[in-house]
Amino acid sequence: MASLILLVKQTEDDEKVIYRFGPNERKMGLIEMNKIKESVKELEPVQVDGVSPSFFFNKAAQWLVRCLFREGGKFPERTTVES
C-alpha cells in the first residue's frame, strides 16, 4: 500500500529548515534539518492511530537529506513524498 507524506516548509535560514510533515494537514509533526551539521531531528512526532511515528519521520528525513545533497540544498515550500 502506497502512502503520501505531505511536507510544508515553516521556516528556513542559512543554518536550518523546518517542515510540518504528515499524512495530511490535520495530522502533522515537525522535522528539522540542520544544514551545517547535516543532521535531522524530529521536533514533534506525527500521531496517527495504527502507524508508527517513526514511519513518517524516516521517510521525511530521507527526503530532506536528498534535498540537501542531490538538489543542492534547494528545499521547496510544499511537496509530497510517496512511500
PDB file of N, CA and C in Angstrom:
ATOM      1  N   MET A   1       0.841  -1.181   0.000  1.00  0.00           N
ATOM      2  CA  MET A   1       0.000   0.000   0.000  1.00  0.00           C
ATOM      3  C   MET A   1       0.886   1.244   0.000  1.00  0.00           C
ATOM      4  N   ALA A   2       0.656   2.136  -0.928  1.00  0.00           N
ATOM      5  CA  ALA A   2       1.431   3.378  -1.026  1.00  0.00           C
ATOM      6  C   ALA A   2       0.841   4.433  -0.096  1.00  0.00           C
ATOM      7  N   SER A   3       1.713   5.243   0.435  1.00  0.00           N
ATOM      8  CA  SER A   3       1.306   6.337   1.308  1.00  0.00           C
ATOM      9  C   SER A   3       1.949   7.621   0.811  1.00  0.00           C
ATOM     10  N   LEU A   4       1.231   8.715   0.987  1.00  0.00           N
ATOM     11  CA  LEU A   4       1.783  10.025   0.676  1.00  0.00           C
ATOM     12  C   LEU A   4       2.080  10.752   1.975  1.00  0.00           C
ATOM     13  N   ILE A   5       3.217  11.419   2.004  1.00  0.00           N
ATOM     14  CA  ILE A   5       3.576  12.245   3.150  1.00  0.00           C
ATOM     15  C   ILE A   5       3.687  13.678   2.648  1.00  0.00           C
ATOM     16  N   LEU A   6       2.922  14.543   3.249  1.00  0.00           N
ATOM     17  CA  LEU A   6       2.905  15.961   2.900  1.00  0.00           C
ATOM     18  C   LEU A   6       3.966  16.682   3.715  1.00  0.00           C
ATOM     19  N   LEU A   7       4.740  17.540   3.063  1.00  0.00           N
ATOM     20  CA  LEU A   7       5.730  18.379   3.748  1.00  0.00           C
ATOM     21  C   LEU A   7       5.463  19.832   3.387  1.00  0.00           C
ATOM     22  N   VAL A   8       5.349  20.673   4.407  1.00  0.00           N
ATOM     23  CA  VAL A   8       5.079  22.104   4.222  1.00  0.00           C
ATOM     24  C   VAL A   8       6.139  22.883   4.998  1.00  0.00           C
ATOM     25  N   LYS A   9       6.923  23.674   4.279  1.00  0.00           N
ATOM     26  CA  LYS A   9       8.002  24.432   4.923  1.00  0.00           C
ATOM     27  C   LYS A   9       7.436  25.483   5.875  1.00  0.00           C
ATOM     28  N   GLN A  10       8.016  25.522   7.093  1.00  0.00           N
ATOM     29  CA  GLN A  10       7.648  26.520   8.087  1.00  0.00           C
ATOM     30  C   GLN A  10       8.644  27.659   8.091  1.00  0.00           C
ATOM     31  N   THR A  11       9.938  27.324   8.197  1.00  0.00           N
ATOM     32  CA  THR A  11      10.984  28.344   8.204  1.00  0.00           C
ATOM     33  C   THR A  11      12.242  27.779   7.559  1.00  0.00           C
ATOM     34  N   GLU A  12      13.070  28.688   7.048  1.00  0.00           N
ATOM     35  CA  GLU A  12      14.369  28.303   6.516  1.00  0.00           C
ATOM     36  C   GLU A  12      15.321  29.475   6.651  1.00  0.00           C
ATOM     37  N   ASP A  13      16.546  29.162   7.075  1.00  0.00           N
ATOM     38  CA  ASP A  13      17.620  30.146   7.090  1.00  0.00           C
ATOM     39  C   ASP A  13      18.893  29.439   6.638  1.00  0.00           C
ATOM     40  N   ASP A  14      20.036  30.102   6.799  1.00  0.00           N
ATOM     41  CA  ASP A  14      21.292  29.508   6.330  1.00  0.00           C
ATOM     42  C   ASP A  14      21.683  28.253   7.109  1.00  0.00           C
ATOM     43  N   GLU A  15      21.187  28.127   8.337  1.00  0.00           N
ATOM     44  CA  GLU A  15      21.575  27.003   9.195  1.00  0.00           C
ATOM     45  C   GLU A  15      20.609  25.828   9.155  1.00  0.00           C
ATOM     46  N   LYS A  16      19.287  26.106   9.083  1.00  0.00           N
ATOM     47  CA  LYS A  16      18.324  25.015   9.184  1.00  0.00           C
ATOM     48  C   LYS A  16      17.049  25.293   8.405  1.00  0.00           C
ATOM     49  N   VAL A  17      16.304  24.208   8.176  1.00  0.00           N
ATOM     50  CA  VAL A  17      14.985  24.291   7.565  1.00  0.00           C
ATOM     51  C   VAL A  17      14.052  23.421   8.412  1.00  0.00           C
ATOM     52  N   ILE A  18      12.855  23.937   8.660  1.00  0.00           N
ATOM     53  CA  ILE A  18      11.860  23.223   9.457  1.00  0.00           C
ATOM     54  C   ILE A  18      10.608  23.033   8.617  1.00  0.00           C
ATOM     55  N   TYR A  19      10.106  21.800   8.623  1.00  0.00           N
ATOM     56  CA  TYR A  19       8.886  21.438   7.896  1.00  0.00           C
ATOM     57  C   TYR A  19       7.858  20.845   8.852  1.00  0.00           C
ATOM     58  N   ARG A  20       6.594  21.083   8.551  1.00  0.00           N
ATOM     59  CA  ARG A  20       5.497  20.304   9.114  1.00  0.00           C
ATOM     60  C   ARG A  20       5.378  19.120   8.170  1.00  0.00           C
ATOM     61  N   PHE A  21       5.106  17.930   8.701  1.00  0.00           N
ATOM     62  CA  PHE A  21       5.026  16.751   7.853  1.00  0.00           C
ATOM     63  C   PHE A  21       4.019  15.759   8.417  1.00  0.00           C
ATOM     64  N   GLY A  22       3.366  15.023   7.525  1.00  0.00           N
ATOM     65  CA  GLY A  22       2.410  14.011   7.959  1.00  0.00           C
ATOM     66  C   GLY A  22       1.537  13.566   6.789  1.00  0.00           C
ATOM     67  N   PRO A  23       0.544  12.742   7.078  1.00  0.00           N
ATOM     68  CA  PRO A  23      -0.300  12.201   6.017  1.00  0.00           C
ATOM     69  C   PRO A  23      -1.278  13.224   5.440  1.00  0.00           C
ATOM     70  N   ASN A  24      -1.598  14.266   6.203  1.00  0.00           N
ATOM     71  CA  ASN A  24      -2.493  15.328   5.740  1.00  0.00           C
ATOM     72  C   ASN A  24      -2.285  16.552   6.626  1.00  0.00           C
ATOM     73  N   GLU A  25      -2.957  17.636   6.316  1.00  0.00           N
ATOM     74  CA  GLU A  25      -2.739  18.882   7.050  1.00  0.00           C
ATOM     75  C   GLU A  25      -3.332  18.871   8.452  1.00  0.00           C
ATOM     76  N   ARG A  26      -4.183  17.918   8.770  1.00  0.00           N
ATOM     77  CA  ARG A  26      -4.772  17.832  10.113  1.00  0.00           C
ATOM     78  C   ARG A  26      -3.905  17.043  11.086  1.00  0.00           C
ATOM     79  N   LYS A  27      -3.073  16.156  10.565  1.00  0.00           N
ATOM     80  CA  LYS A  27      -2.219  15.311  11.412  1.00  0.00           C
ATOM     81  C   LYS A  27      -0.781  15.480  10.961  1.00  0.00           C
ATOM     82  N   MET A  28      -0.084  16.415  11.609  1.00  0.00           N
ATOM     83  CA  MET A  28       1.285  16.712  11.210  1.00  0.00           C
ATOM     84  C   MET A  28       2.197  16.846  12.413  1.00  0.00           C
ATOM     85  N   GLY A  29       3.471  16.570  12.192  1.00  0.00           N
ATOM     86  CA  GLY A  29       4.517  16.781  13.179  1.00  0.00           C
ATOM     87  C   GLY A  29       5.475  17.836  12.640  1.00  0.00           C
ATOM     88  N   LEU A  30       6.597  18.002  13.325  1.00  0.00           N
ATOM     89  CA  LEU A  30       7.627  18.959  12.901  1.00  0.00           C
ATOM     90  C   LEU A  30       8.957  18.235  12.779  1.00  0.00           C
ATOM     91  N   ILE A  31       9.691  18.547  11.720  1.00  0.00           N
ATOM     92  CA  ILE A  31      11.002  17.970  11.488  1.00  0.00           C
ATOM     93  C   ILE A  31      11.975  19.084  11.115  1.00  0.00           C
ATOM     94  N   GLU A  32      13.206  18.959  11.580  1.00  0.00           N
ATOM     95  CA  GLU A  32      14.222  19.988  11.332  1.00  0.00           C
ATOM     96  C   GLU A  32      15.461  19.373  10.700  1.00  0.00           C
ATOM     97  N   MET A  33      15.964  20.023   9.646  1.00  0.00           N
ATOM     98  CA  MET A  33      17.237  19.645   9.020  1.00  0.00           C
ATOM     99  C   MET A  33      18.227  20.742   9.341  1.00  0.00           C
ATOM    100  N   ASN A  34      19.319  20.382  10.038  1.00  0.00           N
ATOM    101  CA  ASN A  34      20.407  21.315  10.275  1.00  0.00           C
ATOM    102  C   ASN A  34      21.366  21.176   9.098  1.00  0.00           C
ATOM    103  N   LYS A  35      21.448  22.200   8.283  1.00  0.00           N
ATOM    104  CA  LYS A  35      22.265  22.155   7.067  1.00  0.00           C
ATOM    105  C   LYS A  35      23.759  22.148   7.370  1.00  0.00           C
ATOM    106  N   ILE A  36      24.162  22.776   8.449  1.00  0.00           N
ATOM    107  CA  ILE A  36      25.573  22.856   8.812  1.00  0.00           C
ATOM    108  C   ILE A  36      26.065  21.503   9.353  1.00  0.00           C
ATOM    109  N   LYS A  37      25.343  20.960  10.314  1.00  0.00           N
ATOM    110  CA  LYS A  37      25.713  19.688  10.934  1.00  0.00           C
ATOM    111  C   LYS A  37      25.292  18.472  10.097  1.00  0.00           C
ATOM    112  N   GLU A  38      24.472  18.731   9.059  1.00  0.00           N
ATOM    113  CA  GLU A  38      23.933  17.664   8.198  1.00  0.00           C
ATOM    114  C   GLU A  38      23.205  16.617   9.039  1.00  0.00           C
ATOM    115  N   SER A  39      22.324  17.113   9.918  1.00  0.00           N
ATOM    116  CA  SER A  39      21.570  16.221  10.792  1.00  0.00           C
ATOM    117  C   SER A  39      20.080  16.548  10.719  1.00  0.00           C
ATOM    118  N   VAL A  40      19.282  15.542  11.033  1.00  0.00           N
ATOM    119  CA  VAL A  40      17.825  15.693  11.028  1.00  0.00           C
ATOM    120  C   VAL A  40      17.307  15.282  12.392  1.00  0.00           C
ATOM    121  N   LYS A  41      16.352  16.055  12.919  1.00  0.00           N
ATOM    122  CA  LYS A  41      15.727  15.645  14.178  1.00  0.00           C
ATOM    123  C   LYS A  41      14.235  15.926  14.128  1.00  0.00           C
ATOM    124  N   GLU A  42      13.528  15.107  14.864  1.00  0.00           N
ATOM    125  CA  GLU A  42      12.076  15.243  14.967  1.00  0.00           C
ATOM    126  C   GLU A  42      11.772  16.175  16.134  1.00  0.00           C
ATOM    127  N   LEU A  43      11.085  17.262  15.859  1.00  0.00           N
ATOM    128  CA  LEU A  43      10.725  18.216  16.897  1.00  0.00           C
ATOM    129  C   LEU A  43       9.382  17.861  17.524  1.00  0.00           C
ATOM    130  N   GLU A  44       8.506  17.269  16.706  1.00  0.00           N
ATOM    131  CA  GLU A  44       7.170  16.877  17.163  1.00  0.00           C
ATOM    132  C   GLU A  44       6.740  15.674  16.327  1.00  0.00           C
ATOM    133  N   PRO A  45       6.434  14.531  16.943  1.00  0.00           N
ATOM    134  CA  PRO A  45       6.067  13.343  16.162  1.00  0.00           C
ATOM    135  C   PRO A  45       4.665  13.451  15.557  1.00  0.00           C
ATOM    136  N   VAL A  46       4.444  12.697  14.504  1.00  0.00           N
ATOM    137  CA  VAL A  46       3.129  12.585  13.876  1.00  0.00           C
ATOM    138  C   VAL A  46       2.364  11.503  14.628  1.00  0.00           C
ATOM    139  N   GLN A  47       1.149  11.796  15.037  1.00  0.00           N
ATOM    140  CA  GLN A  47       0.318  10.841  15.779  1.00  0.00           C
ATOM    141  C   GLN A  47      -0.830  10.361  14.895  1.00  0.00           C
ATOM    142  N   VAL A  48      -0.720   9.132  14.404  1.00  0.00           N
ATOM    143  CA  VAL A  48      -1.766   8.520  13.589  1.00  0.00           C
ATOM    144  C   VAL A  48      -2.019   7.123  14.153  1.00  0.00           C
ATOM    145  N   ASP A  49      -3.266   6.821  14.477  1.00  0.00           N
ATOM    146  CA  ASP A  49      -3.604   5.511  15.021  1.00  0.00           C
ATOM    147  C   ASP A  49      -3.171   4.402  14.065  1.00  0.00           C
ATOM    148  N   GLY A  50      -2.512   3.401  14.619  1.00  0.00           N
ATOM    149  CA  GLY A  50      -2.126   2.234  13.846  1.00  0.00           C
ATOM    150  C   GLY A  50      -0.860   2.392  13.011  1.00  0.00           C
ATOM    151  N   VAL A  51      -0.206   3.558  13.087  1.00  0.00           N
ATOM    152  CA  VAL A  51       1.008   3.797  12.305  1.00  0.00           C
ATOM    153  C   VAL A  51       2.099   4.300  13.253  1.00  0.00           C
ATOM    154  N   SER A  52       3.267   3.696  13.163  1.00  0.00           N
ATOM    155  CA  SER A  52       4.392   4.125  13.997  1.00  0.00           C
ATOM    156  C   SER A  52       4.824   5.538  13.601  1.00  0.00           C
ATOM    157  N   PRO A  53       5.030   6.425  14.581  1.00  0.00           N
ATOM    158  CA  PRO A  53       5.507   7.774  14.260  1.00  0.00           C
ATOM    159  C   PRO A  53       6.842   7.755  13.508  1.00  0.00           C
ATOM    160  N   SER A  54       7.647   6.732  13.735  1.00  0.00           N
ATOM    161  CA  SER A  54       8.943   6.663  13.052  1.00  0.00           C
ATOM    162  C   SER A  54       8.780   6.456  11.548  1.00  0.00           C
ATOM    163  N   PHE A  55       7.658   5.885  11.109  1.00  0.00           N
ATOM    164  CA  PHE A  55       7.412   5.706   9.672  1.00  0.00           C
ATOM    165  C   PHE A  55       7.454   7.055   8.969  1.00  0.00           C
ATOM    166  N   PHE A  56       6.688   8.026   9.457  1.00  0.00           N
ATOM    167  CA  PHE A  56       6.632   9.346   8.832  1.00  0.00           C
ATOM    168  C   PHE A  56       7.972  10.068   8.954  1.00  0.00           C
ATOM    169  N   PHE A  57       8.590   9.995  10.146  1.00  0.00           N
ATOM    170  CA  PHE A  57       9.867  10.658  10.358  1.00  0.00           C
ATOM    171  C   PHE A  57      10.943  10.117   9.420  1.00  0.00           C
ATOM    172  N   ASN A  58      11.070   8.806   9.323  1.00  0.00           N
ATOM    173  CA  ASN A  58      12.110   8.209   8.481  1.00  0.00           C
ATOM    174  C   ASN A  58      11.963   8.609   7.017  1.00  0.00           C
ATOM    175  N   LYS A  59      10.750   8.588   6.507  1.00  0.00           N
ATOM    176  CA  LYS A  59      10.531   8.955   5.097  1.00  0.00           C
ATOM    177  C   LYS A  59      10.804  10.444   4.866  1.00  0.00           C
ATOM    178  N   ALA A  60      10.343  11.292   5.773  1.00  0.00           N
ATOM    179  CA  ALA A  60      10.578  12.734   5.632  1.00  0.00           C
ATOM    180  C   ALA A  60      12.067  13.048   5.767  1.00  0.00           C
ATOM    181  N   ALA A  61      12.751  12.389   6.696  1.00  0.00           N
ATOM    182  CA  ALA A  61      14.190  12.618   6.897  1.00  0.00           C
ATOM    183  C   ALA A  61      14.976  12.227   5.649  1.00  0.00           C
ATOM    184  N   GLN A  62      14.633  11.100   5.039  1.00  0.00           N
ATOM    185  CA  GLN A  62      15.308  10.674   3.810  1.00  0.00           C
ATOM    186  C   GLN A  62      15.130  11.719   2.712  1.00  0.00           C
ATOM    187  N   TRP A  63      13.948  12.272   2.615  1.00  0.00           N
ATOM    188  CA  TRP A  63      13.667  13.278   1.595  1.00  0.00           C
ATOM    189  C   TRP A  63      14.495  14.541   1.852  1.00  0.00           C
ATOM    190  N   LEU A  64      14.588  14.977   3.121  1.00  0.00           N
ATOM    191  CA  LEU A  64      15.380  16.163   3.452  1.00  0.00           C
ATOM    192  C   LEU A  64      16.857  15.973   3.115  1.00  0.00           C
ATOM    193  N   VAL A  65      17.378  14.800   3.415  1.00  0.00           N
ATOM    194  CA  VAL A  65      18.782  14.503   3.099  1.00  0.00           C
ATOM    195  C   VAL A  65      18.993  14.543   1.588  1.00  0.00           C
ATOM    196  N   ARG A  66      18.048  14.001   0.850  1.00  0.00           N
ATOM    197  CA  ARG A  66      18.149  14.033  -0.610  1.00  0.00           C
ATOM    198  C   ARG A  66      18.168  15.472  -1.125  1.00  0.00           C
ATOM    199  N   CYS A  67      17.310  16.319  -0.568  1.00  0.00           N
ATOM    200  CA  CYS A  67      17.293  17.731  -0.986  1.00  0.00           C
ATOM    201  C   CYS A  67      18.629  18.403  -0.703  1.00  0.00           C
ATOM    202  N   LEU A  68      19.199  18.124   0.446  1.00  0.00           N
ATOM    203  CA  LEU A  68      20.461  18.751   0.821  1.00  0.00           C
ATOM    204  C   LEU A  68      21.586  18.339  -0.125  1.00  0.00           C
ATOM    205  N   PHE A  69      21.680  17.061  -0.439  1.00  0.00           N
ATOM    206  CA  PHE A  69      22.813  16.579  -1.220  1.00  0.00           C
ATOM    207  C   PHE A  69      22.555  16.475  -2.722  1.00  0.00           C
ATOM    208  N   ARG A  70      21.423  15.974  -3.122  1.00  0.00           N
ATOM    209  CA  ARG A  70      21.152  15.797  -4.561  1.00  0.00           C
ATOM    210  C   ARG A  70      20.587  17.043  -5.225  1.00  0.00           C
ATOM    211  N   GLU A  71      19.847  17.836  -4.466  1.00  0.00           N
ATOM    212  CA  GLU A  71      19.192  19.017  -5.038  1.00  0.00           C
ATOM    213  C   GLU A  71      19.951  20.299  -4.719  1.00  0.00           C
ATOM    214  N   GLY A  72      21.157  20.176  -4.203  1.00  0.00           N
ATOM    215  CA  GLY A  72      21.977  21.353  -3.933  1.00  0.00           C
ATOM    216  C   GLY A  72      21.456  22.248  -2.828  1.00  0.00           C
ATOM    217  N   GLY A  73      20.724  21.672  -1.876  1.00  0.00           N
ATOM    218  CA  GLY A  73      20.216  22.468  -0.759  1.00  0.00           C
ATOM    219  C   GLY A  73      18.984  23.275  -1.080  1.00  0.00           C
ATOM    220  N   LYS A  74      18.284  22.924  -2.145  1.00  0.00           N
ATOM    221  CA  LYS A  74      17.045  23.625  -2.501  1.00  0.00           C
ATOM    222  C   LYS A  74      15.862  22.880  -1.869  1.00  0.00           C
ATOM    223  N   PHE A  75      15.148  23.578  -0.998  1.00  0.00           N
ATOM    224  CA  PHE A  75      14.029  22.993  -0.268  1.00  0.00           C
ATOM    225  C   PHE A  75      12.740  23.688  -0.701  1.00  0.00           C
ATOM    226  N   PRO A  76      11.818  22.957  -1.350  1.00  0.00           N
ATOM    227  CA  PRO A  76      10.574  23.581  -1.837  1.00  0.00           C
ATOM    228  C   PRO A  76       9.652  23.999  -0.685  1.00  0.00           C
ATOM    229  N   GLU A  77       8.753  24.899  -0.976  1.00  0.00           N
ATOM    230  CA  GLU A  77       7.784  25.373   0.027  1.00  0.00           C
ATOM    231  C   GLU A  77       6.828  24.267   0.450  1.00  0.00           C
ATOM    232  N   ARG A  78       6.483  23.413  -0.499  1.00  0.00           N
ATOM    233  CA  ARG A  78       5.482  22.376  -0.257  1.00  0.00           C
ATOM    234  C   ARG A  78       5.735  21.225  -1.221  1.00  0.00           C
ATOM    235  N   THR A  79       5.630  19.994  -0.725  1.00  0.00           N
ATOM    236  CA  THR A  79       5.814  18.835  -1.604  1.00  0.00           C
ATOM    237  C   THR A  79       5.186  17.606  -0.954  1.00  0.00           C
ATOM    238  N   THR A  80       5.135  16.531  -1.697  1.00  0.00           N
ATOM    239  CA  THR A  80       4.698  15.242  -1.161  1.00  0.00           C
ATOM    240  C   THR A  80       5.769  14.200  -1.475  1.00  0.00           C
ATOM    241  N   VAL A  81       5.832  13.204  -0.614  1.00  0.00           N
ATOM    242  CA  VAL A  81       6.760  12.089  -0.783  1.00  0.00           C
ATOM    243  C   VAL A  81       5.911  10.828  -0.819  1.00  0.00           C
ATOM    244  N   GLU A  82       6.074  10.031  -1.850  1.00  0.00           N
ATOM    245  CA  GLU A  82       5.358   8.768  -1.943  1.00  0.00           C
ATOM    246  C   GLU A  82       6.220   7.671  -1.341  1.00  0.00           C
ATOM    247  N   SER A  83       5.588   6.848  -0.527  1.00  0.00           N
ATOM    248  CA  SER A  83       6.350   5.743   0.055  1.00  0.00           C
ATOM    249  C   SER A  83       5.615   4.436  -0.142  1.00  0.00           C
TER     250      SER A  83
END
